[in-house]
Amino acid sequence: MPRSVNHVASKARRKKILKLTRGYFGARKNVWTVAKNTWEKGLTYAFRDRKNNKRNFRALWIQRINAAARLEGMSYSKLMGALHKAGIEINRKVLADLAMNHPEAFKAIVAKAKAA
């Protein structure tokens, strides 16, 4: 009795991954095993870099807050401690945005933190 092979499903599965690897260089786009390995490795990079992206943005926000705080005569760590003590709950993303785009508002926040 002949072996039953579901070519429709297996071909569709391969086509799906080969479609996802369009635009890759050389054999990575059209050789099934190479394309599959490259695509899977890409998924691990994507997972890793979603975490790294958060880390990089936090570092950027801290640098911006530190630069703005030093213009006000305070270091980053002193500012964050003063904000905590004053009970001002504002995250680093918003603080960095204020420091870059609304310096007057940032100055007001720093003054309030210094007063506490």
PDB file of N, CA and C in Angstrom:
ATOM      1  N   MET A   1       0.842  -1.182   0.000  1.00  0.00           N
ATOM      2  CA  MET A   1       0.000   0.000   0.000  1.00  0.00           C
ATOM      3  C   MET A   1       0.892   1.252   0.000  1.00  0.00           C
ATOM      4  N   PRO A   2       0.571   2.238  -0.835  1.00  0.00           N
ATOM      5  CA  PRO A   2       1.420   3.434  -0.891  1.00  0.00           C
ATOM      6  C   PRO A   2       1.315   4.273   0.386  1.00  0.00           C
ATOM      7  N   ARG A   3       2.396   4.966   0.624  1.00  0.00           N
ATOM      8  CA  ARG A   3       2.472   5.818   1.811  1.00  0.00           C
ATOM      9  C   ARG A   3       1.607   7.063   1.606  1.00  0.00           C
ATOM     10  N   SER A   4       0.865   7.429   2.616  1.00  0.00           N
ATOM     11  CA  SER A   4       0.011   8.615   2.525  1.00  0.00           C
ATOM     12  C   SER A   4       0.782   9.837   3.038  1.00  0.00           C
ATOM     13  N   VAL A   5       0.941  10.824   2.161  1.00  0.00           N
ATOM     14  CA  VAL A   5       1.677  12.031   2.530  1.00  0.00           C
ATOM     15  C   VAL A   5       0.785  13.231   2.231  1.00  0.00           C
ATOM     16  N   ASN A   6       0.645  14.099   3.197  1.00  0.00           N
ATOM     17  CA  ASN A   6      -0.204  15.266   2.986  1.00  0.00           C
ATOM     18  C   ASN A   6       0.623  16.405   2.401  1.00  0.00           C
ATOM     19  N   HIS A   7       0.803  16.380   1.072  1.00  0.00           N
ATOM     20  CA  HIS A   7       1.636  17.384   0.414  1.00  0.00           C
ATOM     21  C   HIS A   7       1.027  18.782   0.484  1.00  0.00           C
ATOM     22  N   VAL A   8      -0.277  18.848   0.525  1.00  0.00           N
ATOM     23  CA  VAL A   8      -0.934  20.153   0.538  1.00  0.00           C
ATOM     24  C   VAL A   8      -0.534  20.928   1.789  1.00  0.00           C
ATOM     25  N   ALA A   9      -0.629  20.290   2.947  1.00  0.00           N
ATOM     26  CA  ALA A   9      -0.324  20.962   4.215  1.00  0.00           C
ATOM     27  C   ALA A   9       1.162  21.273   4.336  1.00  0.00           C
ATOM     28  N   SER A  10       2.026  20.302   3.963  1.00  0.00           N
ATOM     29  CA  SER A  10       3.464  20.529   4.116  1.00  0.00           C
ATOM     30  C   SER A  10       3.955  21.614   3.167  1.00  0.00           C
ATOM     31  N   LYS A  11       3.414  21.638   1.953  1.00  0.00           N
ATOM     32  CA  LYS A  11       3.814  22.686   1.006  1.00  0.00           C
ATOM     33  C   LYS A  11       3.333  24.054   1.489  1.00  0.00           C
ATOM     34  N   ALA A  12       2.132  24.102   2.037  1.00  0.00           N
ATOM     35  CA  ALA A  12       1.593  25.363   2.548  1.00  0.00           C
ATOM     36  C   ALA A  12       2.438  25.873   3.707  1.00  0.00           C
ATOM     37  N   ARG A  13       2.865  24.951   4.569  1.00  0.00           N
ATOM     38  CA  ARG A  13       3.701  25.323   5.717  1.00  0.00           C
ATOM     39  C   ARG A  13       5.031  25.911   5.241  1.00  0.00           C
ATOM     40  N   ARG A  14       5.632  25.265   4.235  1.00  0.00           N
ATOM     41  CA  ARG A  14       6.903  25.760   3.694  1.00  0.00           C
ATOM     42  C   ARG A  14       6.719  27.106   3.012  1.00  0.00           C
ATOM     43  N   LYS A  15       5.637  27.226   2.240  1.00  0.00           N
ATOM     44  CA  LYS A  15       5.380  28.487   1.535  1.00  0.00           C
ATOM     45  C   LYS A  15       5.198  29.641   2.520  1.00  0.00           C
ATOM     46  N   LYS A  16       4.557  29.347   3.647  1.00  0.00           N
ATOM     47  CA  LYS A  16       4.304  30.382   4.648  1.00  0.00           C
ATOM     48  C   LYS A  16       5.626  30.947   5.182  1.00  0.00           C
ATOM     49  N   ILE A  17       6.565  30.052   5.500  1.00  0.00           N
ATOM     50  CA  ILE A  17       7.848  30.508   6.036  1.00  0.00           C
ATOM     51  C   ILE A  17       8.694  31.148   4.947  1.00  0.00           C
ATOM     52  N   LEU A  18       8.656  30.611   3.730  1.00  0.00           N
ATOM     53  CA  LEU A  18       9.413  31.222   2.637  1.00  0.00           C
ATOM     54  C   LEU A  18       8.872  32.617   2.318  1.00  0.00           C
ATOM     55  N   LYS A  19       7.581  32.823   2.511  1.00  0.00           N
ATOM     56  CA  LYS A  19       7.011  34.153   2.306  1.00  0.00           C
ATOM     57  C   LYS A  19       7.522  35.116   3.382  1.00  0.00           C
ATOM     58  N   LEU A  20       7.668  34.606   4.602  1.00  0.00           N
ATOM     59  CA  LEU A  20       8.163  35.439   5.699  1.00  0.00           C
ATOM     60  C   LEU A  20       9.636  35.813   5.536  1.00  0.00           C
ATOM     61  N   THR A  21      10.385  35.001   4.792  1.00  0.00           N
ATOM     62  CA  THR A  21      11.818  35.269   4.624  1.00  0.00           C
ATOM     63  C   THR A  21      12.118  36.021   3.332  1.00  0.00           C
ATOM     64  N   ARG A  22      11.082  36.515   2.662  1.00  0.00           N
ATOM     65  CA  ARG A  22      11.305  37.325   1.467  1.00  0.00           C
ATOM     66  C   ARG A  22      12.131  38.549   1.823  1.00  0.00           C
ATOM     67  N   GLY A  23      13.114  38.875   0.985  1.00  0.00           N
ATOM     68  CA  GLY A  23      13.956  40.030   1.256  1.00  0.00           C
ATOM     69  C   GLY A  23      15.244  39.668   1.965  1.00  0.00           C
ATOM     70  N   TYR A  24      15.386  38.418   2.434  1.00  0.00           N
ATOM     71  CA  TYR A  24      16.633  37.993   3.047  1.00  0.00           C
ATOM     72  C   TYR A  24      17.668  37.781   1.949  1.00  0.00           C
ATOM     73  N   PHE A  25      18.945  37.715   2.319  1.00  0.00           N
ATOM     74  CA  PHE A  25      20.036  37.619   1.359  1.00  0.00           C
ATOM     75  C   PHE A  25      20.353  36.159   1.009  1.00  0.00           C
ATOM     76  N   GLY A  26      20.587  35.920  -0.255  1.00  0.00           N
ATOM     77  CA  GLY A  26      21.075  34.621  -0.722  1.00  0.00           C
ATOM     78  C   GLY A  26      20.126  33.476  -0.435  1.00  0.00           C
ATOM     79  N   ALA A  27      20.697  32.360   0.013  1.00  0.00           N
ATOM     80  CA  ALA A  27      19.917  31.144   0.251  1.00  0.00           C
ATOM     81  C   ALA A  27      18.934  31.305   1.399  1.00  0.00           C
ATOM     82  N   ARG A  28      19.105  32.334   2.202  1.00  0.00           N
ATOM     83  CA  ARG A  28      18.220  32.541   3.346  1.00  0.00           C
ATOM     84  C   ARG A  28      16.776  32.785   2.924  1.00  0.00           C
ATOM     85  N   LYS A  29      16.570  33.172   1.681  1.00  0.00           N
ATOM     86  CA  LYS A  29      15.214  33.469   1.247  1.00  0.00           C
ATOM     87  C   LYS A  29      14.538  32.339   0.482  1.00  0.00           C
ATOM     88  N   ASN A  30      15.310  31.393  -0.081  1.00  0.00           N
ATOM     89  CA  ASN A  30      14.660  30.410  -0.952  1.00  0.00           C
ATOM     90  C   ASN A  30      15.029  28.948  -0.696  1.00  0.00           C
ATOM     91  N   VAL A  31      16.000  28.675   0.152  1.00  0.00           N
ATOM     92  CA  VAL A  31      16.335  27.291   0.496  1.00  0.00           C
ATOM     93  C   VAL A  31      15.633  26.981   1.811  1.00  0.00           C
ATOM     94  N   TRP A  32      14.768  25.976   1.769  1.00  0.00           N
ATOM     95  CA  TRP A  32      13.856  25.710   2.880  1.00  0.00           C
ATOM     96  C   TRP A  32      14.551  25.633   4.231  1.00  0.00           C
ATOM     97  N   THR A  33      15.584  24.783   4.376  1.00  0.00           N
ATOM     98  CA  THR A  33      16.195  24.578   5.690  1.00  0.00           C
ATOM     99  C   THR A  33      16.893  25.846   6.170  1.00  0.00           C
ATOM    100  N   VAL A  34      17.595  26.517   5.270  1.00  0.00           N
ATOM    101  CA  VAL A  34      18.307  27.744   5.637  1.00  0.00           C
ATOM    102  C   VAL A  34      17.295  28.822   6.026  1.00  0.00           C
ATOM    103  N   ALA A  35      16.233  28.951   5.219  1.00  0.00           N
ATOM    104  CA  ALA A  35      15.204  29.958   5.490  1.00  0.00           C
ATOM    105  C   ALA A  35      14.531  29.699   6.832  1.00  0.00           C
ATOM    106  N   LYS A  36      14.229  28.448   7.119  1.00  0.00           N
ATOM    107  CA  LYS A  36      13.559  28.098   8.378  1.00  0.00           C
ATOM    108  C   LYS A  36      14.447  28.432   9.570  1.00  0.00           C
ATOM    109  N   ASN A  37      15.730  28.068   9.479  1.00  0.00           N
ATOM    110  CA  ASN A  37      16.666  28.353  10.570  1.00  0.00           C
ATOM    111  C   ASN A  37      16.813  29.860  10.785  1.00  0.00           C
ATOM    112  N   THR A  38      16.930  30.592   9.677  1.00  0.00           N
ATOM    113  CA  THR A  38      17.088  32.047   9.761  1.00  0.00           C
ATOM    114  C   THR A  38      15.863  32.687  10.390  1.00  0.00           C
ATOM    115  N   TRP A  39      14.687  32.240   9.977  1.00  0.00           N
ATOM    116  CA  TRP A  39      13.434  32.784  10.490  1.00  0.00           C
ATOM    117  C   TRP A  39      13.302  32.510  11.985  1.00  0.00           C
ATOM    118  N   GLU A  40      13.621  31.274  12.406  1.00  0.00           N
ATOM    119  CA  GLU A  40      13.543  30.924  13.828  1.00  0.00           C
ATOM    120  C   GLU A  40      14.527  31.745  14.650  1.00  0.00           C
ATOM    121  N   LYS A  41      15.737  31.930  14.128  1.00  0.00           N
ATOM    122  CA  LYS A  41      16.746  32.729  14.824  1.00  0.00           C
ATOM    123  C   LYS A  41      16.268  34.177  14.935  1.00  0.00           C
ATOM    124  N   GLY A  42      15.604  34.652  13.877  1.00  0.00           N
ATOM    125  CA  GLY A  42      15.054  36.007  13.887  1.00  0.00           C
ATOM    126  C   GLY A  42      14.025  36.195  14.988  1.00  0.00           C
ATOM    127  N   LEU A  43      13.240  35.165  15.249  1.00  0.00           N
ATOM    128  CA  LEU A  43      12.251  35.237  16.330  1.00  0.00           C
ATOM    129  C   LEU A  43      12.930  35.381  17.691  1.00  0.00           C
ATOM    130  N   THR A  44      14.048  34.675  17.891  1.00  0.00           N
ATOM    131  CA  THR A  44      14.760  34.792  19.171  1.00  0.00           C
ATOM    132  C   THR A  44      15.372  36.181  19.307  1.00  0.00           C
ATOM    133  N   TYR A  45      15.895  36.726  18.198  1.00  0.00           N
ATOM    134  CA  TYR A  45      16.443  38.085  18.231  1.00  0.00           C
ATOM    135  C   TYR A  45      15.335  39.081  18.573  1.00  0.00           C
ATOM    136  N   ALA A  46      14.161  38.887  17.978  1.00  0.00           N
ATOM    137  CA  ALA A  46      13.044  39.804  18.210  1.00  0.00           C
ATOM    138  C   ALA A  46      12.640  39.780  19.679  1.00  0.00           C
ATOM    139  N   PHE A  47      12.584  38.591  20.268  1.00  0.00           N
ATOM    140  CA  PHE A  47      12.215  38.453  21.681  1.00  0.00           C
ATOM    141  C   PHE A  47      13.238  39.159  22.558  1.00  0.00           C
ATOM    142  N   ARG A  48      14.525  38.896  22.283  1.00  0.00           N
ATOM    143  CA  ARG A  48      15.601  39.499  23.065  1.00  0.00           C
ATOM    144  C   ARG A  48      15.574  41.018  22.946  1.00  0.00           C
ATOM    145  N   ASP A  49      15.395  41.498  21.716  1.00  0.00           N
ATOM    146  CA  ASP A  49      15.513  42.931  21.488  1.00  0.00           C
ATOM    147  C   ASP A  49      14.295  43.719  21.951  1.00  0.00           C
ATOM    148  N   ARG A  50      13.156  43.056  22.117  1.00  0.00           N
ATOM    149  CA  ARG A  50      12.023  43.753  22.740  1.00  0.00           C
ATOM    150  C   ARG A  50      12.376  44.112  24.177  1.00  0.00           C
ATOM    151  N   LYS A  51      13.103  43.227  24.853  1.00  0.00           N
ATOM    152  CA  LYS A  51      13.558  43.503  26.217  1.00  0.00           C
ATOM    153  C   LYS A  51      14.634  44.597  26.202  1.00  0.00           C
ATOM    154  N   ASN A  52      15.592  44.493  25.265  1.00  0.00           N
ATOM    155  CA  ASN A  52      16.684  45.468  25.179  1.00  0.00           C
ATOM    156  C   ASN A  52      16.165  46.862  24.856  1.00  0.00           C
ATOM    157  N   ASN A  53      15.103  46.922  24.060  1.00  0.00           N
ATOM    158  CA  ASN A  53      14.527  48.208  23.677  1.00  0.00           C
ATOM    159  C   ASN A  53      14.029  48.960  24.912  1.00  0.00           C
ATOM    160  N   LYS A  54      13.372  48.242  25.818  1.00  0.00           N
ATOM    161  CA  LYS A  54      12.894  48.846  27.057  1.00  0.00           C
ATOM    162  C   LYS A  54      14.076  49.371  27.878  1.00  0.00           C
ATOM    163  N   ARG A  55      15.128  48.563  27.937  1.00  0.00           N
ATOM    164  CA  ARG A  55      16.331  48.932  28.682  1.00  0.00           C
ATOM    165  C   ARG A  55      16.977  50.181  28.089  1.00  0.00           C
ATOM    166  N   ASN A  56      17.075  50.220  26.750  1.00  0.00           N
ATOM    167  CA  ASN A  56      17.718  51.357  26.082  1.00  0.00           C
ATOM    168  C   ASN A  56      16.926  52.646  26.277  1.00  0.00           C
ATOM    169  N   PHE A  57      15.611  52.543  26.202  1.00  0.00           N
ATOM    170  CA  PHE A  57      14.794  53.744  26.376  1.00  0.00           C
ATOM    171  C   PHE A  57      14.883  54.260  27.807  1.00  0.00           C
ATOM    172  N   ARG A  58      14.886  53.357  28.778  1.00  0.00           N
ATOM    173  CA  ARG A  58      15.016  53.794  30.172  1.00  0.00           C
ATOM    174  C   ARG A  58      16.341  54.526  30.375  1.00  0.00           C
ATOM    175  N   ALA A  59      17.412  53.999  29.789  1.00  0.00           N
ATOM    176  CA  ALA A  59      18.725  54.648  29.900  1.00  0.00           C
ATOM    177  C   ALA A  59      18.702  56.039  29.255  1.00  0.00           C
ATOM    178  N   LEU A  60      18.039  56.155  28.115  1.00  0.00           N
ATOM    179  CA  LEU A  60      17.924  57.442  27.432  1.00  0.00           C
ATOM    180  C   LEU A  60      17.157  58.453  28.289  1.00  0.00           C
ATOM    181  N   TRP A  61      16.040  58.008  28.880  1.00  0.00           N
ATOM    182  CA  TRP A  61      15.251  58.892  29.728  1.00  0.00           C
ATOM    183  C   TRP A  61      16.069  59.377  30.915  1.00  0.00           C
ATOM    184  N   ILE A  62      16.832  58.472  31.518  1.00  0.00           N
ATOM    185  CA  ILE A  62      17.649  58.831  32.684  1.00  0.00           C
ATOM    186  C   ILE A  62      18.698  59.872  32.287  1.00  0.00           C
ATOM    187  N   GLN A  63      19.331  59.699  31.119  1.00  0.00           N
ATOM    188  CA  GLN A  63      20.334  60.671  30.654  1.00  0.00           C
ATOM    189  C   GLN A  63      19.713  62.039  30.445  1.00  0.00           C
ATOM    190  N   ARG A  64      18.522  62.070  29.865  1.00  0.00           N
ATOM    191  CA  ARG A  64      17.852  63.348  29.610  1.00  0.00           C
ATOM    192  C   ARG A  64      17.451  64.039  30.915  1.00  0.00           C
ATOM    193  N   ILE A  65      16.923  63.248  31.855  1.00  0.00           N
ATOM    194  CA  ILE A  65      16.523  63.814  33.151  1.00  0.00           C
ATOM    195  C   ILE A  65      17.752  64.336  33.878  1.00  0.00           C
ATOM    196  N   ASN A  66      18.846  63.582  33.848  1.00  0.00           N
ATOM    197  CA  ASN A  66      20.091  63.968  34.518  1.00  0.00           C
ATOM    198  C   ASN A  66      20.618  65.278  33.948  1.00  0.00           C
ATOM    199  N   ALA A  67      20.621  65.402  32.618  1.00  0.00           N
ATOM    200  CA  ALA A  67      21.120  66.625  31.973  1.00  0.00           C
ATOM    201  C   ALA A  67      20.279  67.830  32.389  1.00  0.00           C
ATOM    202  N   ALA A  68      18.955  67.664  32.395  1.00  0.00           N
ATOM    203  CA  ALA A  68      18.062  68.769  32.761  1.00  0.00           C
ATOM    204  C   ALA A  68      18.179  69.096  34.246  1.00  0.00           C
ATOM    205  N   ALA A  69      18.337  68.069  35.074  1.00  0.00           N
ATOM    206  CA  ALA A  69      18.437  68.280  36.520  1.00  0.00           C
ATOM    207  C   ALA A  69      19.722  69.021  36.865  1.00  0.00           C
ATOM    208  N   ARG A  70      20.795  68.722  36.167  1.00  0.00           N
ATOM    209  CA  ARG A  70      22.072  69.386  36.432  1.00  0.00           C
ATOM    210  C   ARG A  70      22.014  70.869  36.061  1.00  0.00           C
ATOM    211  N   LEU A  71      21.187  71.215  35.068  1.00  0.00           N
ATOM    212  CA  LEU A  71      20.985  72.632  34.744  1.00  0.00           C
ATOM    213  C   LEU A  71      20.286  73.359  35.894  1.00  0.00           C
ATOM    214  N   GLU A  72      19.535  72.584  36.691  1.00  0.00           N
ATOM    215  CA  GLU A  72      18.835  73.146  37.852  1.00  0.00           C
ATOM    216  C   GLU A  72      19.659  73.008  39.137  1.00  0.00           C
ATOM    217  N   GLY A  73      20.903  72.541  39.004  1.00  0.00           N
ATOM    218  CA  GLY A  73      21.790  72.423  40.160  1.00  0.00           C
ATOM    219  C   GLY A  73      21.558  71.196  41.017  1.00  0.00           C
ATOM    220  N   MET A  74      21.077  70.107  40.389  1.00  0.00           N
ATOM    221  CA  MET A  74      20.797  68.853  41.107  1.00  0.00           C
ATOM    222  C   MET A  74      21.284  67.690  40.268  1.00  0.00           C
ATOM    223  N   SER A  75      21.666  66.612  40.941  1.00  0.00           N
ATOM    224  CA  SER A  75      22.008  65.411  40.184  1.00  0.00           C
ATOM    225  C   SER A  75      20.739  64.582  39.994  1.00  0.00           C
ATOM    226  N   TYR A  76      20.820  63.578  39.114  1.00  0.00           N
ATOM    227  CA  TYR A  76      19.668  62.704  38.841  1.00  0.00           C
ATOM    228  C   TYR A  76      19.215  61.994  40.107  1.00  0.00           C
ATOM    229  N   SER A  77      20.174  61.406  40.829  1.00  0.00           N
ATOM    230  CA  SER A  77      19.799  60.603  41.999  1.00  0.00           C
ATOM    231  C   SER A  77      19.195  61.470  43.103  1.00  0.00           C
ATOM    232  N   LYS A  78      19.749  62.679  43.296  1.00  0.00           N
ATOM    233  CA  LYS A  78      19.188  63.597  44.298  1.00  0.00           C
ATOM    234  C   LYS A  78      17.766  64.006  43.901  1.00  0.00           C
ATOM    235  N   LEU A  79      17.568  64.263  42.604  1.00  0.00           N
ATOM    236  CA  LEU A  79      16.241  64.649  42.117  1.00  0.00           C
ATOM    237  C   LEU A  79      15.233  63.536  42.343  1.00  0.00           C
ATOM    238  N   MET A  80      15.596  62.309  41.989  1.00  0.00           N
ATOM    239  CA  MET A  80      14.669  61.195  42.138  1.00  0.00           C
ATOM    240  C   MET A  80      14.347  60.945  43.614  1.00  0.00           C
ATOM    241  N   GLY A  81      15.356  61.100  44.474  1.00  0.00           N
ATOM    242  CA  GLY A  81      15.122  60.958  45.914  1.00  0.00           C
ATOM    243  C   GLY A  81      14.186  62.034  46.432  1.00  0.00           C
ATOM    244  N   ALA A  82      14.393  63.268  45.964  1.00  0.00           N
ATOM    245  CA  ALA A  82      13.552  64.385  46.396  1.00  0.00           C
ATOM    246  C   ALA A  82      12.115  64.213  45.895  1.00  0.00           C
ATOM    247  N   LEU A  83      11.957  63.726  44.665  1.00  0.00           N
ATOM    248  CA  LEU A  83      10.612  63.489  44.119  1.00  0.00           C
ATOM    249  C   LEU A  83       9.876  62.441  44.956  1.00  0.00           C
ATOM    250  N   HIS A  84      10.605  61.397  45.315  1.00  0.00           N
ATOM    251  CA  HIS A  84      10.012  60.327  46.121  1.00  0.00           C
ATOM    252  C   HIS A  84       9.593  60.860  47.494  1.00  0.00           C
ATOM    253  N   LYS A  85      10.481  61.664  48.091  1.00  0.00           N
ATOM    254  CA  LYS A  85      10.212  62.232  49.408  1.00  0.00           C
ATOM    255  C   LYS A  85       9.021  63.193  49.360  1.00  0.00           C
ATOM    256  N   ALA A  86       8.909  63.944  48.247  1.00  0.00           N
ATOM    257  CA  ALA A  86       7.813  64.902  48.103  1.00  0.00           C
ATOM    258  C   ALA A  86       6.494  64.226  47.744  1.00  0.00           C
ATOM    259  N   GLY A  87       6.561  62.932  47.430  1.00  0.00           N
ATOM    260  CA  GLY A  87       5.351  62.191  47.071  1.00  0.00           C
ATOM    261  C   GLY A  87       4.876  62.472  45.655  1.00  0.00           C
ATOM    262  N   ILE A  88       5.799  62.929  44.803  1.00  0.00           N
ATOM    263  CA  ILE A  88       5.461  63.201  43.402  1.00  0.00           C
ATOM    264  C   ILE A  88       5.715  61.923  42.614  1.00  0.00           C
ATOM    265  N   GLU A  89       4.638  61.271  42.193  1.00  0.00           N
ATOM    266  CA  GLU A  89       4.769  60.020  41.449  1.00  0.00           C
ATOM    267  C   GLU A  89       4.657  60.320  39.959  1.00  0.00           C
ATOM    268  N   ILE A  90       5.804  60.468  39.323  1.00  0.00           N
ATOM    269  CA  ILE A  90       5.847  60.741  37.884  1.00  0.00           C
ATOM    270  C   ILE A  90       6.932  59.841  37.300  1.00  0.00           C
ATOM    271  N   ASN A  91       6.602  59.161  36.220  1.00  0.00           N
ATOM    272  CA  ASN A  91       7.569  58.194  35.697  1.00  0.00           C
ATOM    273  C   ASN A  91       8.650  58.866  34.855  1.00  0.00           C
ATOM    274  N   ARG A  92       9.711  58.118  34.580  1.00  0.00           N
ATOM    275  CA  ARG A  92      10.877  58.663  33.898  1.00  0.00           C
ATOM    276  C   ARG A  92      10.568  59.093  32.469  1.00  0.00           C
ATOM    277  N   LYS A  93       9.658  58.372  31.823  1.00  0.00           N
ATOM    278  CA  LYS A  93       9.294  58.711  30.447  1.00  0.00           C
ATOM    279  C   LYS A  93       8.695  60.117  30.388  1.00  0.00           C
ATOM    280  N   VAL A  94       7.765  60.388  31.270  1.00  0.00           N
ATOM    281  CA  VAL A  94       7.101  61.691  31.288  1.00  0.00           C
ATOM    282  C   VAL A  94       8.080  62.774  31.733  1.00  0.00           C
ATOM    283  N   LEU A  95       8.908  62.471  32.748  1.00  0.00           N
ATOM    284  CA  LEU A  95       9.902  63.439  33.213  1.00  0.00           C
ATOM    285  C   LEU A  95      10.863  63.827  32.092  1.00  0.00           C
ATOM    286  N   ALA A  96      11.322  62.833  31.347  1.00  0.00           N
ATOM    287  CA  ALA A  96      12.247  63.094  30.244  1.00  0.00           C
ATOM    288  C   ALA A  96      11.577  63.937  29.165  1.00  0.00           C
ATOM    289  N   ASP A  97      10.307  63.655  28.899  1.00  0.00           N
ATOM    290  CA  ASP A  97       9.572  64.436  27.903  1.00  0.00           C
ATOM    291  C   ASP A  97       9.424  65.889  28.359  1.00  0.00           C
ATOM    292  N   LEU A  98       9.119  66.081  29.634  1.00  0.00           N
ATOM    293  CA  LEU A  98       9.020  67.436  30.169  1.00  0.00           C
ATOM    294  C   LEU A  98      10.366  68.152  30.098  1.00  0.00           C
ATOM    295  N   ALA A  99      11.434  67.440  30.429  1.00  0.00           N
ATOM    296  CA  ALA A  99      12.773  68.030  30.403  1.00  0.00           C
ATOM    297  C   ALA A  99      13.152  68.483  28.999  1.00  0.00           C
ATOM    298  N   MET A 100      12.755  67.711  27.992  1.00  0.00           N
ATOM    299  CA  MET A 100      13.110  68.040  26.603  1.00  0.00           C
ATOM    300  C   MET A 100      12.195  69.111  26.019  1.00  0.00           C
ATOM    301  N   ASN A 101      10.885  68.948  26.181  1.00  0.00           N
ATOM    302  CA  ASN A 101       9.925  69.757  25.439  1.00  0.00           C
ATOM    303  C   ASN A 101       9.261  70.872  26.245  1.00  0.00           C
ATOM    304  N   HIS A 102       9.255  70.741  27.580  1.00  0.00           N
ATOM    305  CA  HIS A 102       8.603  71.746  28.425  1.00  0.00           C
ATOM    306  C   HIS A 102       9.502  72.067  29.619  1.00  0.00           C
ATOM    307  N   PRO A 103      10.604  72.787  29.391  1.00  0.00           N
ATOM    308  CA  PRO A 103      11.566  73.029  30.477  1.00  0.00           C
ATOM    309  C   PRO A 103      10.970  73.797  31.663  1.00  0.00           C
ATOM    310  N   GLU A 104       9.984  74.671  31.400  1.00  0.00           N
ATOM    311  CA  GLU A 104       9.374  75.437  32.496  1.00  0.00           C
ATOM    312  C   GLU A 104       8.639  74.507  33.462  1.00  0.00           C
ATOM    313  N   ALA A 105       7.909  73.550  32.894  1.00  0.00           N
ATOM    314  CA  ALA A 105       7.187  72.572  33.724  1.00  0.00           C
ATOM    315  C   ALA A 105       8.179  71.728  34.523  1.00  0.00           C
ATOM    316  N   PHE A 106       9.291  71.355  33.885  1.00  0.00           N
ATOM    317  CA  PHE A 106      10.321  70.565  34.572  1.00  0.00           C
ATOM    318  C   PHE A 106      10.908  71.366  35.727  1.00  0.00           C
ATOM    319  N   LYS A 107      11.171  72.666  35.495  1.00  0.00           N
ATOM    320  CA  LYS A 107      11.704  73.537  36.556  1.00  0.00           C
ATOM    321  C   LYS A 107      10.741  73.599  37.732  1.00  0.00           C
ATOM    322  N   ALA A 108       9.452  73.677  37.435  1.00  0.00           N
ATOM    323  CA  ALA A 108       8.450  73.728  38.497  1.00  0.00           C
ATOM    324  C   ALA A 108       8.455  72.459  39.330  1.00  0.00           C
ATOM    325  N   ILE A 109       8.597  71.325  38.656  1.00  0.00           N
ATOM    326  CA  ILE A 109       8.638  70.030  39.362  1.00  0.00           C
ATOM    327  C   ILE A 109       9.884  69.954  40.248  1.00  0.00           C
ATOM    328  N   VAL A 110      11.022  70.401  39.702  1.00  0.00           N
ATOM    329  CA  VAL A 110      12.274  70.392  40.478  1.00  0.00           C
ATOM    330  C   VAL A 110      12.153  71.304  41.689  1.00  0.00           C
ATOM    331  N   ALA A 111      11.551  72.483  41.492  1.00  0.00           N
ATOM    332  CA  ALA A 111      11.380  73.425  42.614  1.00  0.00           C
ATOM    333  C   ALA A 111      10.507  72.813  43.695  1.00  0.00           C
ATOM    334  N   LYS A 112       9.445  72.140  43.297  1.00  0.00           N
ATOM    335  CA  LYS A 112       8.543  71.490  44.262  1.00  0.00           C
ATOM    336  C   LYS A 112       9.277  70.364  45.003  1.00  0.00           C
ATOM    337  N   ALA A 113      10.136  69.627  44.288  1.00  0.00           N
ATOM    338  CA  ALA A 113      10.889  68.542  44.909  1.00  0.00           C
ATOM    339  C   ALA A 113      11.921  69.098  45.886  1.00  0.00           C
ATOM    340  N   LYS A 114      12.569  70.213  45.525  1.00  0.00           N
ATOM    341  CA  LYS A 114      13.558  70.835  46.412  1.00  0.00           C
ATOM    342  C   LYS A 114      12.902  71.349  47.697  1.00  0.00           C
ATOM    343  N   ALA A 115      11.688  71.877  47.559  1.00  0.00           N
ATOM    344  CA  ALA A 115      10.985  72.442  48.707  1.00  0.00           C
ATOM    345  C   ALA A 115      10.611  71.375  49.736  1.00  0.00           C
ATOM    346  N   ALA A 116      10.377  70.172  49.292  1.00  0.00           N
ATOM    347  CA  ALA A 116       9.952  69.103  50.205  1.00  0.00           C
ATOM    348  C   ALA A 116      11.112  68.506  50.985  1.00  0.00           C
TER     349      ALA A 116
END
